[in-house]
N, C-alpha and C. Protein backbone atom coordinates (compact mmCIF):
# COMPACT_ATOMS: atom_id res chain seq x y z
N MET A 1 -5.48 2.24 26.20
CA MET A 1 -7.01 3.50 25.57
C MET A 1 -8.20 4.27 25.62
N PRO A 2 -8.62 4.51 26.55
CA PRO A 2 -10.33 4.69 26.83
C PRO A 2 -10.63 5.35 25.51
N ARG A 3 -11.68 4.66 25.14
CA ARG A 3 -12.40 5.17 23.73
C ARG A 3 -13.45 5.86 23.81
N THR A 4 -14.26 7.01 22.96
CA THR A 4 -15.06 7.90 23.30
C THR A 4 -16.16 7.48 21.89
N ASN A 5 -17.29 7.42 22.45
CA ASN A 5 -18.05 6.58 21.28
C ASN A 5 -18.99 8.14 20.62
N TYR A 6 -18.41 7.85 19.73
CA TYR A 6 -18.78 9.00 18.07
C TYR A 6 -19.65 8.54 17.23
N ARG A 7 -20.40 7.49 17.48
CA ARG A 7 -20.67 6.81 16.58
C ARG A 7 -21.82 7.76 15.93
N SER A 8 -22.81 8.41 17.03
CA SER A 8 -24.07 9.46 16.38
C SER A 8 -23.26 10.69 16.28
N GLN A 9 -22.10 10.58 15.98
CA GLN A 9 -21.37 12.38 15.92
C GLN A 9 -21.39 12.17 14.15
N THR A 10 -21.41 13.29 13.24
CA THR A 10 -20.94 13.26 12.31
C THR A 10 -20.18 14.50 11.95
N THR A 11 -19.94 15.38 12.22
CA THR A 11 -18.89 16.66 12.96
C THR A 11 -17.72 16.46 13.39
N PHE A 12 -16.24 16.25 13.21
CA PHE A 12 -15.52 16.31 14.16
C PHE A 12 -14.36 17.24 14.30
N THR A 13 -13.89 17.68 15.01
CA THR A 13 -13.21 19.10 14.43
C THR A 13 -11.31 18.61 15.88
N VAL A 14 -10.73 18.35 15.34
CA VAL A 14 -9.76 18.80 16.40
C VAL A 14 -9.48 20.37 16.21
N PRO A 15 -8.83 20.78 17.99
CA PRO A 15 -9.19 22.23 18.06
C PRO A 15 -7.76 22.61 16.76
N SER A 16 -8.23 24.18 16.26
CA SER A 16 -6.66 24.45 15.51
C SER A 16 -6.74 24.12 14.17
N GLN A 17 -6.95 22.82 14.02
CA GLN A 17 -6.06 22.44 12.95
C GLN A 17 -7.56 21.56 12.29
N GLY A 18 -8.32 21.55 12.31
CA GLY A 18 -9.81 21.83 11.08
C GLY A 18 -10.69 20.60 11.89
N SER A 19 -11.87 20.32 10.37
CA SER A 19 -12.67 19.71 11.04
C SER A 19 -13.13 18.97 9.85
N VAL A 20 -13.84 17.66 10.28
CA VAL A 20 -14.54 16.85 9.04
C VAL A 20 -16.03 16.64 9.44
N SER A 21 -16.55 16.52 8.12
CA SER A 21 -18.45 16.35 8.12
C SER A 21 -17.98 15.06 7.52
N LEU A 22 -19.04 13.46 8.17
CA LEU A 22 -19.36 13.01 7.29
C LEU A 22 -20.63 12.34 7.29
N PRO A 23 -21.01 11.37 7.01
CA PRO A 23 -22.26 10.90 6.98
C PRO A 23 -22.80 10.13 8.15
N PRO A 24 -24.42 10.04 8.66
CA PRO A 24 -24.31 9.39 9.29
C PRO A 24 -24.09 8.24 9.31
N LEU A 25 -23.61 7.25 10.42
CA LEU A 25 -23.84 5.72 10.47
C LEU A 25 -24.73 5.49 10.08
N ARG A 26 -25.89 5.74 11.08
CA ARG A 26 -27.15 4.84 10.73
C ARG A 26 -28.65 5.70 10.66
N PRO A 27 -29.26 5.54 10.02
CA PRO A 27 -29.45 4.66 9.05
C PRO A 27 -27.92 4.69 7.77
N PRO A 28 -27.75 3.81 6.82
CA PRO A 28 -27.07 3.96 6.44
C PRO A 28 -26.90 4.91 5.46
N SER A 29 -25.36 6.21 5.22
CA SER A 29 -26.53 7.02 4.08
C SER A 29 -26.00 6.98 2.52
N PRO A 30 -26.87 6.59 1.68
CA PRO A 30 -26.61 7.23 0.31
C PRO A 30 -25.59 7.97 -0.10
N ASN A 31 -25.57 8.88 0.35
CA ASN A 31 -24.71 9.88 -0.07
C ASN A 31 -23.32 9.59 0.66
N HIS A 32 -22.33 8.89 0.18
CA HIS A 32 -20.87 9.21 0.92
C HIS A 32 -19.85 10.34 0.90
N GLU A 33 -19.88 11.38 0.63
CA GLU A 33 -19.34 12.58 0.34
C GLU A 33 -18.91 13.19 1.60
N VAL A 34 -17.11 13.08 1.79
CA VAL A 34 -17.15 13.61 3.42
C VAL A 34 -16.37 15.36 2.82
N TYR A 35 -16.28 16.13 3.63
CA TYR A 35 -16.22 17.68 3.83
C TYR A 35 -15.48 17.97 4.52
N ILE A 36 -14.60 18.67 4.21
CA ILE A 36 -13.19 18.70 5.12
C ILE A 36 -12.77 19.52 5.30
N THR A 37 -12.64 20.75 6.53
CA THR A 37 -12.59 22.21 6.71
C THR A 37 -11.12 22.91 7.15
N PHE A 38 -10.77 22.93 6.54
CA PHE A 38 -9.11 23.68 7.29
C PHE A 38 -9.16 24.77 7.60
N PRO A 39 -9.02 25.41 8.67
CA PRO A 39 -8.45 26.75 8.95
C PRO A 39 -7.34 27.96 8.31
N ILE A 40 -6.83 28.53 8.57
CA ILE A 40 -6.04 29.41 7.45
C ILE A 40 -4.80 28.78 8.92
N SER A 41 -4.92 28.20 9.82
CA SER A 41 -3.89 28.32 11.24
C SER A 41 -2.86 27.23 11.03
N SER A 42 -4.42 26.65 10.63
CA SER A 42 -4.14 25.26 10.09
C SER A 42 -2.83 24.51 9.47
N LYS A 43 -1.76 23.60 10.05
CA LYS A 43 -0.58 23.40 9.67
C LYS A 43 -0.55 21.64 8.63
N ILE A 44 -2.24 21.30 8.73
CA ILE A 44 -1.88 19.73 8.59
C ILE A 44 -1.86 19.98 6.89
N ALA A 45 -1.58 18.84 6.28
CA ALA A 45 -1.16 18.30 4.96
C ALA A 45 -1.30 16.42 5.46
N THR A 46 -1.98 16.07 4.06
CA THR A 46 -1.75 15.05 4.10
C THR A 46 -0.94 13.98 4.10
N GLY A 47 0.17 14.19 3.29
CA GLY A 47 1.26 13.65 3.28
C GLY A 47 1.52 12.89 1.86
N LEU A 48 2.24 12.74 1.29
CA LEU A 48 2.00 11.85 -0.02
C LEU A 48 1.44 10.64 0.33
N HIS A 49 0.29 9.62 -0.16
CA HIS A 49 0.16 8.62 -0.13
C HIS A 49 -0.93 8.04 -1.33
N TRP A 50 -0.99 6.96 -1.38
CA TRP A 50 -1.80 6.60 -2.67
C TRP A 50 -3.36 5.63 -2.13
N HIS A 51 -4.47 4.99 -3.27
CA HIS A 51 -5.01 4.01 -2.59
C HIS A 51 -4.89 3.20 -4.14
N GLU A 52 -5.14 1.99 -3.46
CA GLU A 52 -5.22 0.74 -3.92
C GLU A 52 -6.52 -0.11 -4.67
N THR A 53 -7.53 0.85 -4.31
CA THR A 53 -8.98 -0.12 -4.29
C THR A 53 -10.01 0.81 -4.83
N HIS A 54 -9.60 2.36 -4.55
CA HIS A 54 -10.19 3.86 -5.07
C HIS A 54 -9.77 4.50 -5.68
N THR A 55 -10.80 4.73 -6.57
CA THR A 55 -9.87 6.39 -7.13
C THR A 55 -10.64 6.96 -6.27
N GLU A 56 -10.28 8.49 -6.16
CA GLU A 56 -10.43 9.51 -5.18
C GLU A 56 -11.08 10.81 -6.37
N TYR A 57 -11.68 11.15 -5.37
CA TYR A 57 -12.06 12.74 -6.42
C TYR A 57 -12.17 13.72 -5.60
N LEU A 58 -11.80 14.74 -5.56
CA LEU A 58 -11.39 16.44 -4.58
C LEU A 58 -12.27 17.08 -5.15
N GLN A 59 -13.47 17.80 -4.71
CA GLN A 59 -13.45 19.36 -5.24
C GLN A 59 -13.90 20.24 -4.02
N ILE A 60 -13.01 21.56 -4.36
CA ILE A 60 -12.64 22.20 -3.67
C ILE A 60 -13.89 23.31 -3.34
N ILE A 61 -14.73 23.46 -2.28
CA ILE A 61 -15.61 24.47 -2.24
C ILE A 61 -15.37 25.85 -1.91
N GLN A 62 -14.35 26.51 -1.38
CA GLN A 62 -13.63 26.72 -0.42
C GLN A 62 -12.34 27.20 -0.50
N GLY A 63 -11.79 28.43 -0.74
CA GLY A 63 -9.82 28.87 -0.79
C GLY A 63 -9.09 27.82 -1.55
N VAL A 64 -8.56 28.08 -1.10
CA VAL A 64 -7.02 27.46 -1.87
C VAL A 64 -6.02 26.30 -1.72
N ALA A 65 -6.12 24.83 -2.67
CA ALA A 65 -5.59 23.69 -2.12
C ALA A 65 -4.61 23.47 -3.20
N LEU A 66 -3.09 23.66 -2.18
CA LEU A 66 -1.70 23.04 -3.58
C LEU A 66 -1.90 21.32 -3.19
N VAL A 67 -2.16 20.47 -4.62
CA VAL A 67 -2.10 19.77 -4.78
C VAL A 67 -1.15 18.59 -5.23
N THR A 68 -0.52 17.80 -4.94
CA THR A 68 0.52 17.01 -5.82
C THR A 68 0.19 16.01 -6.26
N LEU A 69 -0.02 15.56 -7.00
CA LEU A 69 -0.41 14.03 -8.27
C LEU A 69 0.90 13.89 -9.01
N GLY A 70 1.47 12.39 -8.57
CA GLY A 70 2.32 12.46 -8.67
C GLY A 70 3.75 13.13 -8.45
N ASP A 71 4.72 13.66 -9.55
CA ASP A 71 5.68 14.76 -8.84
C ASP A 71 5.20 16.10 -9.44
N SER A 72 4.18 16.34 -9.77
CA SER A 72 3.48 17.95 -10.10
C SER A 72 2.90 18.18 -8.78
N THR A 73 2.69 19.35 -8.83
CA THR A 73 2.51 20.37 -7.32
C THR A 73 1.18 21.62 -8.75
N GLU A 74 -0.04 21.48 -8.35
CA GLU A 74 -0.61 22.87 -8.59
C GLU A 74 -1.35 23.19 -7.85
N ARG A 75 -1.78 24.98 -8.04
CA ARG A 75 -2.57 25.10 -6.96
C ARG A 75 -4.29 25.06 -7.74
N TYR A 76 -5.04 24.60 -6.95
CA TYR A 76 -6.58 24.20 -7.49
C TYR A 76 -7.57 25.31 -6.19
N THR A 77 -8.62 25.77 -6.80
CA THR A 77 -10.01 26.51 -6.45
C THR A 77 -11.07 26.17 -6.65
N ALA A 78 -11.78 26.43 -6.27
CA ALA A 78 -13.35 26.00 -6.94
C ALA A 78 -13.33 26.07 -7.76
N LYS A 79 -12.46 26.84 -8.67
CA LYS A 79 -13.12 27.29 -10.53
C LYS A 79 -12.10 26.01 -11.15
N SER A 80 -11.50 25.38 -10.32
CA SER A 80 -10.46 24.01 -11.14
C SER A 80 -11.55 23.39 -11.52
N GLY A 81 -12.62 22.67 -10.25
CA GLY A 81 -13.20 21.32 -11.18
C GLY A 81 -13.38 20.40 -9.96
N VAL A 82 -13.58 19.30 -10.52
CA VAL A 82 -13.80 18.10 -9.73
C VAL A 82 -12.06 17.46 -10.60
N ILE A 83 -10.72 16.83 -9.15
CA ILE A 83 -10.05 16.81 -9.32
C ILE A 83 -9.95 15.24 -8.77
N THR A 84 -8.79 14.69 -10.39
CA THR A 84 -9.40 12.91 -10.32
C THR A 84 -7.93 12.28 -10.09
N ILE A 85 -8.33 11.61 -8.61
CA ILE A 85 -6.98 11.24 -8.45
C ILE A 85 -7.06 9.23 -9.17
N PRO A 86 -6.22 8.83 -9.67
CA PRO A 86 -6.62 7.57 -10.09
C PRO A 86 -5.66 6.47 -9.12
N ARG A 87 -6.06 5.37 -9.14
CA ARG A 87 -5.40 4.63 -8.41
C ARG A 87 -3.85 3.82 -8.52
N TYR A 88 -3.49 3.65 -7.28
CA TYR A 88 -1.70 3.91 -7.59
C TYR A 88 -1.40 5.25 -7.85
N THR A 89 -2.01 6.53 -7.77
CA THR A 89 -1.46 7.93 -7.93
C THR A 89 -1.23 8.31 -7.09
N VAL A 90 0.30 8.85 -6.65
CA VAL A 90 0.85 9.67 -5.68
C VAL A 90 0.48 10.76 -4.91
N HIS A 91 -0.53 11.14 -4.22
CA HIS A 91 -0.90 12.66 -4.22
C HIS A 91 -0.63 13.12 -2.39
N GLU A 92 -1.04 14.01 -2.61
CA GLU A 92 -0.86 14.82 -1.38
C GLU A 92 -1.57 16.38 -1.23
N SER A 93 -2.30 16.84 -0.56
CA SER A 93 -3.18 17.76 -0.26
C SER A 93 -2.53 19.12 0.59
N ARG A 94 -2.46 20.29 0.23
CA ARG A 94 -2.24 21.13 1.27
C ARG A 94 -2.82 21.98 1.10
N HIS A 95 -3.33 23.16 2.08
CA HIS A 95 -4.57 23.97 2.60
C HIS A 95 -4.01 25.50 2.93
N VAL A 96 -4.93 26.14 2.81
CA VAL A 96 -4.84 27.81 2.63
C VAL A 96 -6.46 28.18 3.18
N ASP A 97 -6.54 28.21 4.35
CA ASP A 97 -8.37 28.11 4.50
C ASP A 97 -8.56 27.63 3.60
N LEU A 98 -9.25 26.65 3.75
CA LEU A 98 -10.25 25.41 2.64
C LEU A 98 -10.93 24.57 3.55
N ILE A 99 -11.72 24.66 1.80
CA ILE A 99 -12.94 23.29 2.40
C ILE A 99 -13.08 22.87 1.15
N VAL A 100 -13.26 21.21 1.20
CA VAL A 100 -12.98 20.14 0.02
C VAL A 100 -13.50 19.39 0.50
N LYS A 101 -14.03 18.53 -0.67
CA LYS A 101 -15.57 17.36 -0.66
C LYS A 101 -14.39 16.60 -1.09
N GLU A 102 -14.65 15.43 -0.51
CA GLU A 102 -14.04 14.13 -1.21
C GLU A 102 -15.44 12.95 -1.58
N TRP A 103 -14.80 12.35 -2.32
CA TRP A 103 -15.09 11.16 -2.40
C TRP A 103 -14.69 9.84 -3.25
N THR A 104 -15.48 8.58 -3.35
CA THR A 104 -14.64 7.56 -4.33
C THR A 104 -15.50 7.37 -5.11
N ASP A 105 -14.89 6.41 -5.76
CA ASP A 105 -15.07 5.26 -6.63
C ASP A 105 -14.95 4.13 -6.27
N PRO A 106 -14.66 2.66 -5.95
CA PRO A 106 -16.47 2.81 -5.69
C PRO A 106 -16.83 3.63 -4.37
N ALA A 107 -18.09 4.39 -4.49
CA ALA A 107 -18.73 4.44 -3.75
C ALA A 107 -19.61 3.92 -2.49
N ASP A 108 -17.99 3.30 -1.52
CA ASP A 108 -18.83 2.51 -0.84
C ASP A 108 -18.75 2.65 0.78
N GLY A 109 -18.84 3.78 0.97
CA GLY A 109 -18.67 4.22 2.43
C GLY A 109 -17.56 3.92 3.01
N GLU A 110 -16.11 3.52 2.89
CA GLU A 110 -15.37 2.77 3.33
C GLU A 110 -14.51 3.94 3.61
N LYS A 111 -14.43 5.41 3.09
CA LYS A 111 -13.76 6.82 3.04
C LYS A 111 -14.38 7.39 4.57
N ALA A 112 -16.15 7.71 5.13
CA ALA A 112 -15.92 8.15 5.88
C ALA A 112 -15.70 7.49 6.80
N ILE A 113 -15.42 6.01 7.10
CA ILE A 113 -15.51 4.90 8.50
C ILE A 113 -13.85 5.12 8.43
N PHE A 114 -13.17 5.43 7.48
CA PHE A 114 -11.73 5.45 7.56
C PHE A 114 -11.22 6.71 8.85
N PHE A 115 -12.15 8.11 8.04
CA PHE A 115 -11.89 8.77 8.79
C PHE A 115 -12.73 8.89 10.52
N ARG A 116 -13.41 8.53 10.10
CA ARG A 116 -14.18 7.91 11.50
C ARG A 116 -13.33 7.69 12.64
N ASN A 117 -12.52 6.26 12.13
CA ASN A 117 -11.57 6.11 13.09
C ASN A 117 -10.59 6.75 13.13
N VAL A 118 -10.08 6.89 12.37
CA VAL A 118 -8.36 8.36 12.12
C VAL A 118 -8.70 9.19 13.15
N VAL A 119 -9.72 9.93 13.27
CA VAL A 119 -10.30 11.20 14.02
C VAL A 119 -10.88 10.90 15.38
N GLY A 120 -10.85 9.51 15.03
CA GLY A 120 -11.36 9.22 16.90
C GLY A 120 -10.34 9.19 17.54
N LEU A 121 -8.86 8.06 17.30
CA LEU A 121 -8.30 7.36 17.58
C LEU A 121 -7.63 9.25 18.23
N ILE A 122 -7.30 10.33 16.71
CA ILE A 122 -6.78 12.00 17.35
C ILE A 122 -7.24 12.37 18.61
N LEU A 123 -8.68 12.17 18.69
CA LEU A 123 -9.19 12.83 19.67
C LEU A 123 -9.34 12.46 20.87
N ASP A 124 -9.04 10.94 20.53
CA ASP A 124 -9.01 10.48 22.01
C ASP A 124 -7.97 9.95 22.81
N ARG A 125 -6.55 10.55 22.16
CA ARG A 125 -5.27 10.55 21.94
C ARG A 125 -5.48 11.63 23.59
N ASP A 126 -3.98 11.22 24.57
CA ASP A 126 -3.95 11.90 25.79
C ASP A 126 -3.22 12.65 25.65
N PRO A 127 -3.67 14.72 25.14
CA PRO A 127 -2.21 15.70 24.97
C PRO A 127 -1.54 15.60 26.07
N ALA A 128 -1.50 15.24 26.87
CA ALA A 128 0.48 15.01 28.07
C ALA A 128 0.91 13.46 27.40
N ALA A 129 0.58 12.74 26.33
CA ALA A 129 0.55 11.57 26.35
C ALA A 129 2.23 11.48 26.39
N ARG A 130 3.24 10.66 26.83
CA ARG A 130 4.26 10.65 26.79
C ARG A 130 5.06 9.71 25.78
N THR A 131 6.12 9.59 25.09
CA THR A 131 6.55 9.23 23.77
C THR A 131 5.79 7.76 23.28
N LEU A 132 6.64 6.83 24.67
CA LEU A 132 5.28 5.93 24.46
C LEU A 132 4.20 5.91 23.64
N GLN A 133 3.72 6.19 24.24
CA GLN A 133 1.88 6.36 24.67
C GLN A 133 1.82 6.89 22.98
N ASN A 134 2.52 8.10 22.52
CA ASN A 134 2.29 8.69 21.06
C ASN A 134 2.52 8.00 20.15
N LEU A 135 4.03 6.18 20.57
CA LEU A 135 4.39 5.79 19.53
C LEU A 135 2.66 4.57 19.13
N ARG A 136 2.35 4.23 20.04
CA ARG A 136 1.16 3.54 20.02
C ARG A 136 0.20 4.17 19.17
N THR A 137 0.17 5.08 19.42
CA THR A 137 -0.96 5.69 18.51
C THR A 137 -0.73 5.83 17.14
N ALA A 138 1.03 6.45 16.62
CA ALA A 138 1.49 5.87 15.69
C ALA A 138 0.76 4.58 14.77
N TRP A 139 1.22 4.00 15.52
CA TRP A 139 1.43 2.49 15.40
C TRP A 139 -0.51 1.65 14.94
N ASN A 140 -0.78 3.11 15.88
CA ASN A 140 -2.56 2.13 15.99
C ASN A 140 -2.99 2.99 14.21
N LEU A 141 -2.40 4.29 14.03
CA LEU A 141 -3.47 4.49 13.04
C LEU A 141 -2.92 3.79 11.51
N PHE A 142 -1.20 3.27 11.50
CA PHE A 142 -0.64 2.75 10.39
C PHE A 142 -1.80 1.40 10.11
N VAL A 143 -2.14 0.60 11.21
CA VAL A 143 -3.00 -0.39 10.95
C VAL A 143 -4.32 0.19 10.61
N VAL A 144 -5.08 1.09 11.04
CA VAL A 144 -5.88 1.97 10.30
C VAL A 144 -5.55 2.18 8.11
N PHE A 145 -4.37 2.47 8.43
CA PHE A 145 -4.42 2.87 6.80
C PHE A 145 -4.40 1.76 6.28
N TRP A 146 -3.41 0.23 6.81
CA TRP A 146 -3.50 -0.09 6.11
C TRP A 146 -4.83 -1.17 5.82
N GLU A 147 -5.67 -1.37 6.76
CA GLU A 147 -7.40 -1.60 7.13
C GLU A 147 -8.29 -1.14 5.90
N TRP A 148 -8.20 0.46 5.27
CA TRP A 148 -8.80 1.61 4.97
C TRP A 148 -7.87 1.70 3.78
N ASP A 149 -7.13 1.52 2.91
CA ASP A 149 -6.63 1.53 1.91
C ASP A 149 -6.34 3.12 1.35
N ASN A 150 -5.38 3.44 2.97
CA ASN A 150 -4.35 4.61 2.76
C ASN A 150 -3.33 3.87 2.57
N PHE A 151 -2.21 4.74 2.15
CA PHE A 151 -0.84 3.74 1.92
C PHE A 151 0.30 4.92 1.66
N PRO A 152 0.78 5.20 2.54
CA PRO A 152 2.20 6.64 2.29
C PRO A 152 3.02 5.77 2.23
N ARG A 153 3.30 7.12 1.47
CA ARG A 153 4.84 7.00 1.37
C ARG A 153 5.88 6.75 1.91
N PHE A 154 6.71 6.72 1.91
CA PHE A 154 7.61 6.31 3.66
C PHE A 154 9.31 7.15 2.60
N VAL A 155 9.22 6.32 2.00
CA VAL A 155 10.56 6.84 0.75
C VAL A 155 10.61 7.00 -0.32
N LYS A 156 10.98 7.82 -1.06
CA LYS A 156 11.06 8.26 -2.28
C LYS A 156 12.32 7.52 -3.09
N MET A 157 11.64 6.69 -4.09
CA MET A 157 12.88 6.72 -4.98
C MET A 157 13.55 6.70 -6.15
N PRO A 158 14.27 6.80 -7.32
CA PRO A 158 14.74 6.87 -8.11
C PRO A 158 13.88 6.62 -9.29
N ARG A 159 13.05 7.23 -10.50
CA ARG A 159 12.10 6.33 -11.19
C ARG A 159 13.07 5.64 -12.39
N LEU A 160 13.37 4.17 -11.79
CA LEU A 160 14.72 3.37 -12.59
C LEU A 160 13.52 2.61 -13.52
N TRP A 161 13.45 2.69 -14.67
CA TRP A 161 12.88 0.91 -14.87
C TRP A 161 11.44 0.57 -14.62
N GLY A 162 11.04 1.82 -13.68
CA GLY A 162 9.71 1.35 -12.82
C GLY A 162 10.29 0.66 -11.63
N LEU A 163 11.60 0.71 -11.59
CA LEU A 163 11.91 -0.09 -10.14
C LEU A 163 11.21 1.02 -9.19
N GLY A 164 11.51 2.16 -8.80
CA GLY A 164 10.63 2.82 -7.96
C GLY A 164 9.76 3.06 -7.23
N ASN A 165 8.89 2.35 -8.10
CA ASN A 165 7.30 2.59 -7.56
C ASN A 165 7.04 1.31 -6.74
N SER A 166 7.68 0.34 -7.14
CA SER A 166 7.89 -0.70 -6.41
C SER A 166 8.60 -1.05 -5.22
N VAL A 167 9.45 -0.67 -5.23
CA VAL A 167 10.41 -0.29 -3.84
C VAL A 167 9.50 0.80 -2.72
N GLU A 168 9.50 1.41 -3.27
CA GLU A 168 7.51 2.46 -2.92
C GLU A 168 6.86 1.61 -1.65
N ARG A 169 6.36 0.59 -2.77
CA ARG A 169 5.31 0.15 -2.15
C ARG A 169 5.22 -0.91 -1.78
N GLY A 170 6.73 -1.82 -1.97
CA GLY A 170 6.88 -2.51 -1.06
C GLY A 170 7.20 -1.90 0.58
N VAL A 171 8.12 -0.92 0.28
CA VAL A 171 8.89 -0.47 2.12
C VAL A 171 7.10 -0.48 2.44
N THR A 172 6.41 0.73 1.86
CA THR A 172 5.13 1.13 2.68
C THR A 172 4.16 -0.31 2.78
N TRP A 173 4.05 -1.40 2.04
CA TRP A 173 3.05 -2.66 2.76
C TRP A 173 3.69 -3.21 3.70
N ALA A 174 5.79 -3.71 3.32
CA ALA A 174 6.39 -4.23 4.75
C ALA A 174 5.69 -3.43 5.88
N ILE A 175 6.34 -2.25 6.14
CA ILE A 175 5.52 -1.02 7.36
C ILE A 175 4.34 -1.58 7.99
N LEU A 176 3.10 -0.96 7.32
CA LEU A 176 1.99 -1.33 7.27
C LEU A 176 1.89 -2.45 7.41
N GLY A 177 2.10 -4.02 6.56
CA GLY A 177 1.65 -5.28 7.15
C GLY A 177 2.31 -5.17 8.21
N SER A 178 3.46 -5.29 8.33
CA SER A 178 4.45 -5.53 10.00
C SER A 178 3.41 -4.98 11.16
N ALA A 179 2.39 -4.08 10.94
CA ALA A 179 1.91 -3.42 12.30
C ALA A 179 0.53 -4.06 12.00
N ALA A 180 -0.09 -4.10 11.01
CA ALA A 180 -1.26 -4.78 11.36
C ALA A 180 -0.79 -6.49 11.50
N LEU A 181 0.35 -7.04 11.67
CA LEU A 181 0.00 -8.52 11.78
C LEU A 181 0.20 -8.91 13.17
N ILE A 182 1.41 -7.71 14.02
CA ILE A 182 1.62 -6.98 15.38
C ILE A 182 0.66 -7.43 15.90
N GLY A 183 -0.21 -5.80 15.56
CA GLY A 183 -1.25 -5.72 16.06
C GLY A 183 -2.18 -6.90 16.73
N ARG A 184 -2.18 -7.91 15.62
CA ARG A 184 -3.84 -8.93 16.42
C ARG A 184 -3.60 -9.51 17.15
N TRP A 185 -2.33 -9.28 18.00
CA TRP A 185 -1.45 -9.87 19.23
C TRP A 185 -2.01 -9.03 20.28
N VAL A 186 -1.50 -7.97 19.99
CA VAL A 186 -1.93 -7.27 21.22
C VAL A 186 -3.11 -5.83 21.23
N GLY A 187 -4.35 -6.32 20.11
CA GLY A 187 -5.81 -5.81 20.02
C GLY A 187 -5.35 -4.58 19.94
N VAL A 188 -4.10 -4.46 18.70
CA VAL A 188 -4.60 -2.77 18.05
C VAL A 188 -4.98 -3.35 16.23
N ARG A 189 -6.07 -2.24 16.65
CA ARG A 189 -7.17 -3.14 14.68
C ARG A 189 -7.33 -1.90 14.49
N GLY A 190 -7.91 -2.63 13.66
CA GLY A 190 -8.15 -0.92 12.25
C GLY A 190 -9.27 -0.13 12.23
N THR A 191 -9.97 -1.51 12.86
CA THR A 191 -11.52 -0.67 13.34
C THR A 191 -11.96 -0.90 14.73
N TYR A 192 -12.65 0.17 15.54
CA TYR A 192 -13.67 0.31 16.83
C TYR A 192 -14.64 0.35 16.90
N GLU A 193 -15.15 0.12 17.50
CA GLU A 193 -16.99 -0.52 17.66
C GLU A 193 -17.34 1.26 17.62
N GLU A 194 -16.75 2.02 18.65
CA GLU A 194 -16.82 2.94 18.90
C GLU A 194 -17.01 3.78 18.18
N TYR A 195 -15.75 4.26 17.15
CA TYR A 195 -16.06 5.09 16.00
C TYR A 195 -16.48 4.91 14.57
N GLY A 196 -16.85 3.38 14.39
CA GLY A 196 -16.81 3.20 13.00
C GLY A 196 -16.64 1.76 12.70
N THR A 197 -17.59 1.19 12.13
CA THR A 197 -16.55 -0.70 11.29
C THR A 197 -17.40 -0.80 10.20
N LYS A 198 -16.88 -2.16 9.63
CA LYS A 198 -17.54 -2.56 8.27
C LYS A 198 -18.92 -2.65 8.23
N ASP A 199 -18.92 -3.71 9.93
CA ASP A 199 -20.41 -3.59 9.63
C ASP A 199 -21.63 -2.76 9.48
N ASP A 200 -21.03 -1.26 9.69
CA ASP A 200 -21.85 -0.01 9.82
C ASP A 200 -22.24 0.22 7.96
N LEU A 201 -21.77 -0.71 6.94
CA LEU A 201 -21.55 -0.09 5.74
C LEU A 201 -22.82 -1.01 5.54
N ARG A 202 -23.70 -2.14 5.68
CA ARG A 202 -24.05 -3.32 5.38
C ARG A 202 -25.86 -2.43 5.49
N PRO A 203 -26.65 -2.60 5.00
CA PRO A 203 -27.75 -1.94 5.41
C PRO A 203 -28.75 -2.90 6.26
């Protein structure tokens, strides 16, 4: 798939779905906050997922978000303050005409590189792509998820003596890990120079 060089770009818009504003790649910014805007027509949701090396923070700037933390879903607005999402906590955000700010601890800039690669792949995808091409894009997104601490929950298990969480994580690790392992042999990577890489996080 041909890749567009988005390295100098800081705002990315997916038509009718929303936009994301990111810090510049060069020079590295001390500000690692990410701003995401969803119009009222957007049907995007993050999907249930968790992070293993980062605590995530959300703050609603405008609008309303439905945020799921574990098994509880609540409405959040700008008056709700900062939403803290601990590591390994399964969570999801659904949006209604929303602007939200996200950042992480550690504040290492990885979230911005993650978004650069995810949105870059989506924007470079051929809208008229056939099923096989769409599957390859999904495969590439799985490798990006693996590379950048974003683990989707593919199955929901009963909470039996703590085994449910272990099974859920095991399934996700098996799927993403296999995608990344096979991807190494065929050039499907978690970062692309045209979008942004770990090298861009270095001073």
